[in-house]
Amino acid sequence: MPPDHLSATFSALADPTRRAILARLASGEASVKELMEPFEISPPAITKHLKVLERAGLITRGREAQWRPCKLEARPLHEVHDWIGQYRQFWEASFDRLEDHLRELQARDVPK
């Protein structure tokens, strides 16, 4: 995995096809063929998407006889969640200030 895990994860998540693959894997393991079915892309294209997800640590690919299952690895998503969570206090404070401002505006508009 690259030293900058967040950048690799965000880069992998930037593509809608890869996000759809992760959404499918959230319900359980799947083969490359199963992952390819909903898309109109070639086998080499799906393989490239899977390699990006694998390099970002978002999936692992196994081998069980003829079946090569792909599995979601949630740890990088948890790291993204934690990183975004650092900004929660900022967002909440911004919403609190907006709420205060709206109350002030409403209080001005109340006829006396």
PDB file of N, CA and C in Angstrom:
ATOM      1  N   MET A   1       0.842  -1.176   0.000  1.00  0.00           N
ATOM      2  CA  MET A   1       0.000   0.000   0.000  1.00  0.00           C
ATOM      3  C   MET A   1       0.891   1.245   0.000  1.00  0.00           C
ATOM      4  N   PRO A   2       0.506   2.276  -0.755  1.00  0.00           N
ATOM      5  CA  PRO A   2       1.334   3.479  -0.781  1.00  0.00           C
ATOM      6  C   PRO A   2       1.395   4.138   0.593  1.00  0.00           C
ATOM      7  N   PRO A   3       2.436   4.940   0.833  1.00  0.00           N
ATOM      8  CA  PRO A   3       2.568   5.577   2.137  1.00  0.00           C
ATOM      9  C   PRO A   3       1.379   6.484   2.475  1.00  0.00           C
ATOM     10  N   ASP A   4       0.785   7.136   1.481  1.00  0.00           N
ATOM     11  CA  ASP A   4      -0.345   8.021   1.721  1.00  0.00           C
ATOM     12  C   ASP A   4      -1.640   7.248   1.468  1.00  0.00           C
ATOM     13  N   HIS A   5      -2.107   6.564   2.490  1.00  0.00           N
ATOM     14  CA  HIS A   5      -3.271   5.691   2.371  1.00  0.00           C
ATOM     15  C   HIS A   5      -4.530   6.453   1.982  1.00  0.00           C
ATOM     16  N   LEU A   6      -4.715   7.627   2.570  1.00  0.00           N
ATOM     17  CA  LEU A   6      -5.919   8.394   2.264  1.00  0.00           C
ATOM     18  C   LEU A   6      -5.990   8.787   0.792  1.00  0.00           C
ATOM     19  N   SER A   7      -4.873   9.202   0.235  1.00  0.00           N
ATOM     20  CA  SER A   7      -4.867   9.589  -1.176  1.00  0.00           C
ATOM     21  C   SER A   7      -5.195   8.396  -2.065  1.00  0.00           C
ATOM     22  N   ALA A   8      -4.636   7.250  -1.747  1.00  0.00           N
ATOM     23  CA  ALA A   8      -4.919   6.044  -2.533  1.00  0.00           C
ATOM     24  C   ALA A   8      -6.395   5.664  -2.415  1.00  0.00           C
ATOM     25  N   THR A   9      -6.941   5.785  -1.219  1.00  0.00           N
ATOM     26  CA  THR A   9      -8.344   5.440  -1.013  1.00  0.00           C
ATOM     27  C   THR A   9      -9.248   6.415  -1.754  1.00  0.00           C
ATOM     28  N   PHE A  10      -9.001   7.723  -1.600  1.00  0.00           N
ATOM     29  CA  PHE A  10      -9.826   8.705  -2.297  1.00  0.00           C
ATOM     30  C   PHE A  10      -9.703   8.553  -3.815  1.00  0.00           C
ATOM     31  N   SER A  11      -8.523   8.261  -4.292  1.00  0.00           N
ATOM     32  CA  SER A  11      -8.325   8.062  -5.726  1.00  0.00           C
ATOM     33  C   SER A  11      -9.148   6.870  -6.217  1.00  0.00           C
ATOM     34  N   ALA A  12      -9.123   5.793  -5.455  1.00  0.00           N
ATOM     35  CA  ALA A  12      -9.895   4.604  -5.827  1.00  0.00           C
ATOM     36  C   ALA A  12     -11.393   4.896  -5.794  1.00  0.00           C
ATOM     37  N   LEU A  13     -11.820   5.681  -4.816  1.00  0.00           N
ATOM     38  CA  LEU A  13     -13.245   5.998  -4.665  1.00  0.00           C
ATOM     39  C   LEU A  13     -13.735   7.033  -5.676  1.00  0.00           C
ATOM     40  N   ALA A  14     -12.827   7.672  -6.381  1.00  0.00           N
ATOM     41  CA  ALA A  14     -13.192   8.732  -7.314  1.00  0.00           C
ATOM     42  C   ALA A  14     -13.958   8.211  -8.529  1.00  0.00           C
ATOM     43  N   ASP A  15     -13.857   6.936  -8.804  1.00  0.00           N
ATOM     44  CA  ASP A  15     -14.505   6.373  -9.992  1.00  0.00           C
ATOM     45  C   ASP A  15     -15.830   5.699  -9.627  1.00  0.00           C
ATOM     46  N   PRO A  16     -16.912   6.024 -10.336  1.00  0.00           N
ATOM     47  CA  PRO A  16     -18.213   5.431  -9.998  1.00  0.00           C
ATOM     48  C   PRO A  16     -18.271   3.915 -10.186  1.00  0.00           C
ATOM     49  N   THR A  17     -17.523   3.390 -11.143  1.00  0.00           N
ATOM     50  CA  THR A  17     -17.509   1.939 -11.333  1.00  0.00           C
ATOM     51  C   THR A  17     -16.892   1.268 -10.123  1.00  0.00           C
ATOM     52  N   ARG A  18     -15.806   1.823  -9.613  1.00  0.00           N
ATOM     53  CA  ARG A  18     -15.157   1.222  -8.433  1.00  0.00           C
ATOM     54  C   ARG A  18     -16.047   1.346  -7.203  1.00  0.00           C
ATOM     55  N   ARG A  19     -16.760   2.462  -7.070  1.00  0.00           N
ATOM     56  CA  ARG A  19     -17.696   2.597  -5.942  1.00  0.00           C
ATOM     57  C   ARG A  19     -18.809   1.564  -6.049  1.00  0.00           C
ATOM     58  N   ALA A  20     -19.283   1.305  -7.258  1.00  0.00           N
ATOM     59  CA  ALA A  20     -20.329   0.295  -7.462  1.00  0.00           C
ATOM     60  C   ALA A  20     -19.797  -1.105  -7.133  1.00  0.00           C
ATOM     61  N   ILE A  21     -18.550  -1.370  -7.477  1.00  0.00           N
ATOM     62  CA  ILE A  21     -17.941  -2.656  -7.145  1.00  0.00           C
ATOM     63  C   ILE A  21     -17.884  -2.820  -5.632  1.00  0.00           C
ATOM     64  N   LEU A  22     -17.456  -1.775  -4.926  1.00  0.00           N
ATOM     65  CA  LEU A  22     -17.397  -1.845  -3.459  1.00  0.00           C
ATOM     66  C   LEU A  22     -18.788  -2.039  -2.865  1.00  0.00           C
ATOM     67  N   ALA A  23     -19.781  -1.373  -3.433  1.00  0.00           N
ATOM     68  CA  ALA A  23     -21.152  -1.533  -2.939  1.00  0.00           C
ATOM     69  C   ALA A  23     -21.604  -2.976  -3.103  1.00  0.00           C
ATOM     70  N   ARG A  24     -21.266  -3.582  -4.229  1.00  0.00           N
ATOM     71  CA  ARG A  24     -21.632  -4.989  -4.446  1.00  0.00           C
ATOM     72  C   ARG A  24     -20.908  -5.886  -3.449  1.00  0.00           C
ATOM     73  N   LEU A  25     -19.622  -5.627  -3.213  1.00  0.00           N
ATOM     74  CA  LEU A  25     -18.845  -6.462  -2.292  1.00  0.00           C
ATOM     75  C   LEU A  25     -19.277  -6.281  -0.843  1.00  0.00           C
ATOM     76  N   ALA A  26     -19.955  -5.191  -0.538  1.00  0.00           N
ATOM     77  CA  ALA A  26     -20.464  -4.988   0.819  1.00  0.00           C
ATOM     78  C   ALA A  26     -21.497  -6.051   1.183  1.00  0.00           C
ATOM     79  N   SER A  27     -22.111  -6.672   0.186  1.00  0.00           N
ATOM     80  CA  SER A  27     -23.092  -7.726   0.464  1.00  0.00           C
ATOM     81  C   SER A  27     -22.476  -9.115   0.434  1.00  0.00           C
ATOM     82  N   GLY A  28     -21.177  -9.201   0.173  1.00  0.00           N
ATOM     83  CA  GLY A  28     -20.494 -10.498   0.206  1.00  0.00           C
ATOM     84  C   GLY A  28     -19.486 -10.650  -0.914  1.00  0.00           C
ATOM     85  N   GLU A  29     -18.683 -11.690  -0.791  1.00  0.00           N
ATOM     86  CA  GLU A  29     -17.653 -11.963  -1.792  1.00  0.00           C
ATOM     87  C   GLU A  29     -18.288 -12.201  -3.160  1.00  0.00           C
ATOM     88  N   ALA A  30     -17.507 -11.918  -4.202  1.00  0.00           N
ATOM     89  CA  ALA A  30     -17.979 -12.134  -5.572  1.00  0.00           C
ATOM     90  C   ALA A  30     -16.783 -12.423  -6.471  1.00  0.00           C
ATOM     91  N   SER A  31     -17.042 -13.157  -7.520  1.00  0.00           N
ATOM     92  CA  SER A  31     -15.996 -13.433  -8.505  1.00  0.00           C
ATOM     93  C   SER A  31     -15.857 -12.234  -9.437  1.00  0.00           C
ATOM     94  N   VAL A  32     -14.778 -12.223 -10.185  1.00  0.00           N
ATOM     95  CA  VAL A  32     -14.559 -11.143 -11.150  1.00  0.00           C
ATOM     96  C   VAL A  32     -15.701 -11.139 -12.168  1.00  0.00           C
ATOM     97  N   LYS A  33     -16.128 -12.317 -12.595  1.00  0.00           N
ATOM     98  CA  LYS A  33     -17.223 -12.420 -13.557  1.00  0.00           C
ATOM     99  C   LYS A  33     -18.505 -11.822 -12.978  1.00  0.00           C
ATOM    100  N   GLU A  34     -18.801 -12.120 -11.721  1.00  0.00           N
ATOM    101  CA  GLU A  34     -19.994 -11.571 -11.077  1.00  0.00           C
ATOM    102  C   GLU A  34     -19.907 -10.046 -10.958  1.00  0.00           C
ATOM    103  N   LEU A  35     -18.716  -9.552 -10.667  1.00  0.00           N
ATOM    104  CA  LEU A  35     -18.539  -8.105 -10.529  1.00  0.00           C
ATOM    105  C   LEU A  35     -18.656  -7.389 -11.874  1.00  0.00           C
ATOM    106  N   MET A  36     -18.320  -8.087 -12.935  1.00  0.00           N
ATOM    107  CA  MET A  36     -18.328  -7.504 -14.269  1.00  0.00           C
ATOM    108  C   MET A  36     -19.737  -7.420 -14.850  1.00  0.00           C
ATOM    109  N   GLU A  37     -20.646  -8.292 -14.414  1.00  0.00           N
ATOM    110  CA  GLU A  37     -21.972  -8.420 -15.032  1.00  0.00           C
ATOM    111  C   GLU A  37     -22.753  -7.109 -15.179  1.00  0.00           C
ATOM    112  N   PRO A  38     -22.848  -6.259 -14.158  1.00  0.00           N
ATOM    113  CA  PRO A  38     -23.694  -5.073 -14.331  1.00  0.00           C
ATOM    114  C   PRO A  38     -23.093  -3.977 -15.223  1.00  0.00           C
ATOM    115  N   PHE A  39     -21.855  -4.148 -15.642  1.00  0.00           N
ATOM    116  CA  PHE A  39     -21.176  -3.106 -16.404  1.00  0.00           C
ATOM    117  C   PHE A  39     -20.972  -3.538 -17.852  1.00  0.00           C
ATOM    118  N   GLU A  40     -20.959  -2.578 -18.729  1.00  0.00           N
ATOM    119  CA  GLU A  40     -20.660  -2.845 -20.133  1.00  0.00           C
ATOM    120  C   GLU A  40     -19.206  -2.492 -20.395  1.00  0.00           C
ATOM    121  N   ILE A  41     -18.325  -3.230 -19.717  1.00  0.00           N
ATOM    122  CA  ILE A  41     -16.886  -3.006 -19.891  1.00  0.00           C
ATOM    123  C   ILE A  41     -16.212  -4.349 -20.126  1.00  0.00           C
ATOM    124  N   SER A  42     -15.024  -4.284 -20.663  1.00  0.00           N
ATOM    125  CA  SER A  42     -14.279  -5.488 -21.018  1.00  0.00           C
ATOM    126  C   SER A  42     -13.641  -6.123 -19.779  1.00  0.00           C
ATOM    127  N   PRO A  43     -13.289  -7.410 -19.881  1.00  0.00           N
ATOM    128  CA  PRO A  43     -12.577  -8.049 -18.768  1.00  0.00           C
ATOM    129  C   PRO A  43     -11.284  -7.318 -18.376  1.00  0.00           C
ATOM    130  N   PRO A  44     -10.478  -6.836 -19.344  1.00  0.00           N
ATOM    131  CA  PRO A  44      -9.286  -6.096 -18.934  1.00  0.00           C
ATOM    132  C   PRO A  44      -9.622  -4.810 -18.163  1.00  0.00           C
ATOM    133  N   ALA A  45     -10.721  -4.157 -18.526  1.00  0.00           N
ATOM    134  CA  ALA A  45     -11.108  -2.923 -17.836  1.00  0.00           C
ATOM    135  C   ALA A  45     -11.518  -3.216 -16.395  1.00  0.00           C
ATOM    136  N   ILE A  46     -12.288  -4.278 -16.175  1.00  0.00           N
ATOM    137  CA  ILE A  46     -12.690  -4.617 -14.800  1.00  0.00           C
ATOM    138  C   ILE A  46     -11.465  -5.008 -13.985  1.00  0.00           C
ATOM    139  N   THR A  47     -10.529  -5.693 -14.624  1.00  0.00           N
ATOM    140  CA  THR A  47      -9.295  -6.084 -13.940  1.00  0.00           C
ATOM    141  C   THR A  47      -8.514  -4.854 -13.501  1.00  0.00           C
ATOM    142  N   LYS A  48      -8.467  -3.832 -14.342  1.00  0.00           N
ATOM    143  CA  LYS A  48      -7.774  -2.587 -13.966  1.00  0.00           C
ATOM    144  C   LYS A  48      -8.446  -1.937 -12.760  1.00  0.00           C
ATOM    145  N   HIS A  49      -9.780  -1.905 -12.765  1.00  0.00           N
ATOM    146  CA  HIS A  49     -10.506  -1.346 -11.613  1.00  0.00           C
ATOM    147  C   HIS A  49     -10.191  -2.132 -10.339  1.00  0.00           C
ATOM    148  N   LEU A  50     -10.186  -3.444 -10.454  1.00  0.00           N
ATOM    149  CA  LEU A  50      -9.907  -4.280  -9.280  1.00  0.00           C
ATOM    150  C   LEU A  50      -8.486  -4.067  -8.772  1.00  0.00           C
ATOM    151  N   LYS A  51      -7.542  -3.872  -9.684  1.00  0.00           N
ATOM    152  CA  LYS A  51      -6.159  -3.614  -9.262  1.00  0.00           C
ATOM    153  C   LYS A  51      -6.046  -2.302  -8.494  1.00  0.00           C
ATOM    154  N   VAL A  52      -6.768  -1.276  -8.941  1.00  0.00           N
ATOM    155  CA  VAL A  52      -6.758   0.009  -8.232  1.00  0.00           C
ATOM    156  C   VAL A  52      -7.323  -0.179  -6.827  1.00  0.00           C
ATOM    157  N   LEU A  53      -8.449  -0.889  -6.735  1.00  0.00           N
ATOM    158  CA  LEU A  53      -9.066  -1.133  -5.425  1.00  0.00           C
ATOM    159  C   LEU A  53      -8.153  -1.961  -4.524  1.00  0.00           C
ATOM    160  N   GLU A  54      -7.479  -2.928  -5.118  1.00  0.00           N
ATOM    161  CA  GLU A  54      -6.566  -3.786  -4.349  1.00  0.00           C
ATOM    162  C   GLU A  54      -5.351  -2.990  -3.852  1.00  0.00           C
ATOM    163  N   ARG A  55      -4.773  -2.154  -4.720  1.00  0.00           N
ATOM    164  CA  ARG A  55      -3.626  -1.329  -4.308  1.00  0.00           C
ATOM    165  C   ARG A  55      -4.003  -0.365  -3.183  1.00  0.00           C
ATOM    166  N   ALA A  56      -5.250   0.098  -3.191  1.00  0.00           N
ATOM    167  CA  ALA A  56      -5.722   1.005  -2.138  1.00  0.00           C
ATOM    168  C   ALA A  56      -6.079   0.244  -0.863  1.00  0.00           C
ATOM    169  N   GLY A  57      -6.018  -1.077  -0.920  1.00  0.00           N
ATOM    170  CA  GLY A  57      -6.336  -1.884   0.252  1.00  0.00           C
ATOM    171  C   GLY A  57      -7.826  -2.044   0.495  1.00  0.00           C
ATOM    172  N   LEU A  58      -8.643  -1.678  -0.498  1.00  0.00           N
ATOM    173  CA  LEU A  58     -10.092  -1.745  -0.342  1.00  0.00           C
ATOM    174  C   LEU A  58     -10.675  -3.124  -0.630  1.00  0.00           C
ATOM    175  N   ILE A  59      -9.927  -3.953  -1.368  1.00  0.00           N
ATOM    176  CA  ILE A  59     -10.365  -5.323  -1.614  1.00  0.00           C
ATOM    177  C   ILE A  59      -9.171  -6.262  -1.516  1.00  0.00           C
ATOM    178  N   THR A  60      -9.480  -7.516  -1.305  1.00  0.00           N
ATOM    179  CA  THR A  60      -8.487  -8.574  -1.441  1.00  0.00           C
ATOM    180  C   THR A  60      -9.038  -9.571  -2.444  1.00  0.00           C
ATOM    181  N   ARG A  61      -8.142 -10.228  -3.135  1.00  0.00           N
ATOM    182  CA  ARG A  61      -8.555 -11.250  -4.099  1.00  0.00           C
ATOM    183  C   ARG A  61      -7.934 -12.566  -3.673  1.00  0.00           C
ATOM    184  N   GLY A  62      -8.777 -13.571  -3.588  1.00  0.00           N
ATOM    185  CA  GLY A  62      -8.325 -14.880  -3.151  1.00  0.00           C
ATOM    186  C   GLY A  62      -8.324 -15.884  -4.281  1.00  0.00           C
ATOM    187  N   ARG A  63      -8.076 -17.122  -3.899  1.00  0.00           N
ATOM    188  CA  ARG A  63      -8.089 -18.201  -4.887  1.00  0.00           C
ATOM    189  C   ARG A  63      -8.571 -19.457  -4.186  1.00  0.00           C
ATOM    190  N   GLU A  64      -9.718 -19.948  -4.639  1.00  0.00           N
ATOM    191  CA  GLU A  64     -10.284 -21.183  -4.124  1.00  0.00           C
ATOM    192  C   GLU A  64     -10.603 -22.068  -5.313  1.00  0.00           C
ATOM    193  N   ALA A  65      -9.696 -22.981  -5.628  1.00  0.00           N
ATOM    194  CA  ALA A  65      -9.820 -23.839  -6.810  1.00  0.00           C
ATOM    195  C   ALA A  65      -9.975 -22.947  -8.045  1.00  0.00           C
ATOM    196  N   GLN A  66     -11.087 -23.093  -8.777  1.00  0.00           N
ATOM    197  CA  GLN A  66     -11.308 -22.283  -9.981  1.00  0.00           C
ATOM    198  C   GLN A  66     -11.924 -20.923  -9.671  1.00  0.00           C
ATOM    199  N   TRP A  67     -12.385 -20.750  -8.454  1.00  0.00           N
ATOM    200  CA  TRP A  67     -13.078 -19.506  -8.077  1.00  0.00           C
ATOM    201  C   TRP A  67     -12.079 -18.538  -7.480  1.00  0.00           C
ATOM    202  N   ARG A  68     -12.081 -17.302  -7.941  1.00  0.00           N
ATOM    203  CA  ARG A  68     -11.185 -16.269  -7.422  1.00  0.00           C
ATOM    204  C   ARG A  68     -12.035 -15.152  -6.824  1.00  0.00           C
ATOM    205  N   PRO A  69     -12.421 -15.319  -5.568  1.00  0.00           N
ATOM    206  CA  PRO A  69     -13.329 -14.330  -4.966  1.00  0.00           C
ATOM    207  C   PRO A  69     -12.631 -13.018  -4.617  1.00  0.00           C
ATOM    208  N   CYS A  70     -13.388 -11.947  -4.744  1.00  0.00           N
ATOM    209  CA  CYS A  70     -12.954 -10.631  -4.293  1.00  0.00           C
ATOM    210  C   CYS A  70     -13.727 -10.339  -3.018  1.00  0.00           C
ATOM    211  N   LYS A  71     -13.065  -9.699  -2.078  1.00  0.00           N
ATOM    212  CA  LYS A  71     -13.673  -9.435  -0.775  1.00  0.00           C
ATOM    213  C   LYS A  71     -13.405  -7.987  -0.387  1.00  0.00           C
ATOM    214  N   LEU A  72     -14.406  -7.325   0.162  1.00  0.00           N
ATOM    215  CA  LEU A  72     -14.267  -5.954   0.637  1.00  0.00           C
ATOM    216  C   LEU A  72     -13.394  -5.929   1.892  1.00  0.00           C
ATOM    217  N   GLU A  73     -12.503  -4.963   1.949  1.00  0.00           N
ATOM    218  CA  GLU A  73     -11.693  -4.710   3.142  1.00  0.00           C
ATOM    219  C   GLU A  73     -12.057  -3.305   3.620  1.00  0.00           C
ATOM    220  N   ALA A  74     -12.688  -3.220   4.755  1.00  0.00           N
ATOM    221  CA  ALA A  74     -13.275  -1.953   5.201  1.00  0.00           C
ATOM    222  C   ALA A  74     -12.312  -1.022   5.935  1.00  0.00           C
ATOM    223  N   ARG A  75     -11.159  -1.500   6.337  1.00  0.00           N
ATOM    224  CA  ARG A  75     -10.248  -0.660   7.119  1.00  0.00           C
ATOM    225  C   ARG A  75      -9.944   0.685   6.461  1.00  0.00           C
ATOM    226  N   PRO A  76      -9.623   0.737   5.166  1.00  0.00           N
ATOM    227  CA  PRO A  76      -9.367   2.054   4.559  1.00  0.00           C
ATOM    228  C   PRO A  76     -10.592   2.965   4.586  1.00  0.00           C
ATOM    229  N   LEU A  77     -11.783   2.393   4.490  1.00  0.00           N
ATOM    230  CA  LEU A  77     -12.998   3.207   4.568  1.00  0.00           C
ATOM    231  C   LEU A  77     -13.172   3.781   5.966  1.00  0.00           C
ATOM    232  N   HIS A  78     -12.768   3.006   6.955  1.00  0.00           N
ATOM    233  CA  HIS A  78     -12.826   3.490   8.342  1.00  0.00           C
ATOM    234  C   HIS A  78     -11.848   4.657   8.531  1.00  0.00           C
ATOM    235  N   GLU A  79     -10.685   4.567   7.897  1.00  0.00           N
ATOM    236  CA  GLU A  79      -9.707   5.656   7.979  1.00  0.00           C
ATOM    237  C   GLU A  79     -10.256   6.928   7.330  1.00  0.00           C
ATOM    238  N   VAL A  80     -10.987   6.784   6.218  1.00  0.00           N
ATOM    239  CA  VAL A  80     -11.617   7.934   5.567  1.00  0.00           C
ATOM    240  C   VAL A  80     -12.678   8.517   6.507  1.00  0.00           C
ATOM    241  N   HIS A  81     -13.463   7.651   7.107  1.00  0.00           N
ATOM    242  CA  HIS A  81     -14.492   8.093   8.060  1.00  0.00           C
ATOM    243  C   HIS A  81     -13.862   8.886   9.198  1.00  0.00           C
ATOM    244  N   ASP A  82     -12.770   8.380   9.751  1.00  0.00           N
ATOM    245  CA  ASP A  82     -12.090   9.078  10.847  1.00  0.00           C
ATOM    246  C   ASP A  82     -11.558  10.431  10.402  1.00  0.00           C
ATOM    247  N   TRP A  83     -10.990  10.480   9.202  1.00  0.00           N
ATOM    248  CA  TRP A  83     -10.437  11.730   8.689  1.00  0.00           C
ATOM    249  C   TRP A  83     -11.549  12.759   8.499  1.00  0.00           C
ATOM    250  N   ILE A  84     -12.643  12.339   7.884  1.00  0.00           N
ATOM    251  CA  ILE A  84     -13.771  13.245   7.678  1.00  0.00           C
ATOM    252  C   ILE A  84     -14.368  13.664   9.019  1.00  0.00           C
ATOM    253  N   GLY A  85     -14.375  12.761   9.980  1.00  0.00           N
ATOM    254  CA  GLY A  85     -14.916  13.052  11.303  1.00  0.00           C
ATOM    255  C   GLY A  85     -14.214  14.207  11.995  1.00  0.00           C
ATOM    256  N   GLN A  86     -12.958  14.455  11.637  1.00  0.00           N
ATOM    257  CA  GLN A  86     -12.220  15.565  12.222  1.00  0.00           C
ATOM    258  C   GLN A  86     -12.883  16.902  11.885  1.00  0.00           C
ATOM    259  N   TYR A  87     -13.636  16.939  10.800  1.00  0.00           N
ATOM    260  CA  TYR A  87     -14.281  18.167  10.355  1.00  0.00           C
ATOM    261  C   TYR A  87     -15.707  18.304  10.882  1.00  0.00           C
ATOM    262  N   ARG A  88     -16.179  17.293  11.573  1.00  0.00           N
ATOM    263  CA  ARG A  88     -17.535  17.329  12.121  1.00  0.00           C
ATOM    264  C   ARG A  88     -17.740  18.521  13.049  1.00  0.00           C
ATOM    265  N   GLN A  89     -16.766  18.770  13.915  1.00  0.00           N
ATOM    266  CA  GLN A  89     -16.890  19.896  14.847  1.00  0.00           C
ATOM    267  C   GLN A  89     -17.036  21.208  14.080  1.00  0.00           C
ATOM    268  N   PHE A  90     -16.275  21.375  13.015  1.00  0.00           N
ATOM    269  CA  PHE A  90     -16.379  22.571  12.184  1.00  0.00           C
ATOM    270  C   PHE A  90     -17.779  22.701  11.594  1.00  0.00           C
ATOM    271  N   TRP A  91     -18.289  21.593  11.000  1.00  0.00           N
ATOM    272  CA  TRP A  91     -19.619  21.633  10.384  1.00  0.00           C
ATOM    273  C   TRP A  91     -20.684  21.931  11.421  1.00  0.00           C
ATOM    274  N   GLU A  92     -20.604  21.267  12.557  1.00  0.00           N
ATOM    275  CA  GLU A  92     -21.615  21.476  13.598  1.00  0.00           C
ATOM    276  C   GLU A  92     -21.584  22.910  14.110  1.00  0.00           C
ATOM    277  N   ALA A  93     -20.396  23.456  14.293  1.00  0.00           N
ATOM    278  CA  ALA A  93     -20.282  24.850  14.739  1.00  0.00           C
ATOM    279  C   ALA A  93     -20.855  25.794  13.678  1.00  0.00           C
ATOM    280  N   SER A  94     -20.609  25.491  12.418  1.00  0.00           N
ATOM    281  CA  SER A  94     -21.143  26.327  11.339  1.00  0.00           C
ATOM    282  C   SER A  94     -22.668  26.282  11.331  1.00  0.00           C
ATOM    283  N   PHE A  95     -23.222  25.116  11.514  1.00  0.00           N
ATOM    284  CA  PHE A  95     -24.682  24.991  11.562  1.00  0.00           C
ATOM    285  C   PHE A  95     -25.254  25.697  12.787  1.00  0.00           C
ATOM    286  N   ASP A  96     -24.547  25.621  13.905  1.00  0.00           N
ATOM    287  CA  ASP A  96     -25.003  26.317  15.117  1.00  0.00           C
ATOM    288  C   ASP A  96     -25.022  27.827  14.886  1.00  0.00           C
ATOM    289  N   ARG A  97     -23.980  28.359  14.222  1.00  0.00           N
ATOM    290  CA  ARG A  97     -23.941  29.797  13.926  1.00  0.00           C
ATOM    291  C   ARG A  97     -25.059  30.184  12.965  1.00  0.00           C
ATOM    292  N   LEU A  98     -25.309  29.330  11.978  1.00  0.00           N
ATOM    293  CA  LEU A  98     -26.389  29.597  11.033  1.00  0.00           C
ATOM    294  C   LEU A  98     -27.744  29.601  11.754  1.00  0.00           C
ATOM    295  N   GLU A  99     -27.941  28.642  12.640  1.00  0.00           N
ATOM    296  CA  GLU A  99     -29.189  28.579  13.406  1.00  0.00           C
ATOM    297  C   GLU A  99     -29.370  29.837  14.261  1.00  0.00           C
ATOM    298  N   ASP A 100     -28.307  30.269  14.924  1.00  0.00           N
ATOM    299  CA  ASP A 100     -28.373  31.495  15.724  1.00  0.00           C
ATOM    300  C   ASP A 100     -28.742  32.700  14.854  1.00  0.00           C
ATOM    301  N   HIS A 101     -28.125  32.783  13.693  1.00  0.00           N
ATOM    302  CA  HIS A 101     -28.389  33.888  12.779  1.00  0.00           C
ATOM    303  C   HIS A 101     -29.851  33.863  12.311  1.00  0.00           C
ATOM    304  N   LEU A 102     -30.353  32.699  11.974  1.00  0.00           N
ATOM    305  CA  LEU A 102     -31.745  32.593  11.534  1.00  0.00           C
ATOM    306  C   LEU A 102     -32.711  32.980  12.656  1.00  0.00           C
ATOM    307  N   ARG A 103     -32.404  32.606  13.870  1.00  0.00           N
ATOM    308  CA  ARG A 103     -33.243  32.998  15.004  1.00  0.00           C
ATOM    309  C   ARG A 103     -33.254  34.517  15.173  1.00  0.00           C
ATOM    310  N   GLU A 104     -32.084  35.145  14.996  1.00  0.00           N
ATOM    311  CA  GLU A 104     -32.007  36.594  15.083  1.00  0.00           C
ATOM    312  C   GLU A 104     -32.867  37.241  13.999  1.00  0.00           C
ATOM    313  N   LEU A 105     -32.788  36.736  12.798  1.00  0.00           N
ATOM    314  CA  LEU A 105     -33.586  37.264  11.695  1.00  0.00           C
ATOM    315  C   LEU A 105     -35.086  37.094  11.957  1.00  0.00           C
ATOM    316  N   GLN A 106     -35.441  35.931  12.469  1.00  0.00           N
ATOM    317  CA  GLN A 106     -36.844  35.688  12.772  1.00  0.00           C
ATOM    318  C   GLN A 106     -37.344  36.604  13.891  1.00  0.00           C
ATOM    319  N   ALA A 107     -36.495  36.834  14.892  1.00  0.00           N
ATOM    320  CA  ALA A 107     -36.881  37.709  16.001  1.00  0.00           C
ATOM    321  C   ALA A 107     -37.096  39.126  15.507  1.00  0.00           C
ATOM    322  N   ARG A 108     -36.330  39.591  14.528  1.00  0.00           N
ATOM    323  CA  ARG A 108     -36.498  40.928  13.963  1.00  0.00           C
ATOM    324  C   ARG A 108     -37.813  41.063  13.188  1.00  0.00           C
ATOM    325  N   ASP A 109     -38.216  39.944  12.553  1.00  0.00           N
ATOM    326  CA  ASP A 109     -39.402  39.975  11.708  1.00  0.00           C
ATOM    327  C   ASP A 109     -40.697  39.829  12.490  1.00  0.00           C
ATOM    328  N   VAL A 110     -40.628  39.493  13.761  1.00  0.00           N
ATOM    329  CA  VAL A 110     -41.840  39.340  14.577  1.00  0.00           C
ATOM    330  C   VAL A 110     -42.431  40.706  14.866  1.00  0.00           C
ATOM    331  N   PRO A 111     -43.724  40.938  14.470  1.00  0.00           N
ATOM    332  CA  PRO A 111     -44.335  42.256  14.738  1.00  0.00           C
ATOM    333  C   PRO A 111     -44.526  42.458  16.239  1.00  0.00           C
ATOM    334  N   LYS A 112     -44.353  43.668  16.658  1.00  0.00           N
ATOM    335  CA  LYS A 112     -44.476  43.971  18.080  1.00  0.00           C
ATOM    336  C   LYS A 112     -45.757  44.671  18.388  1.00  0.00           C
TER     337      LYS A 112
END
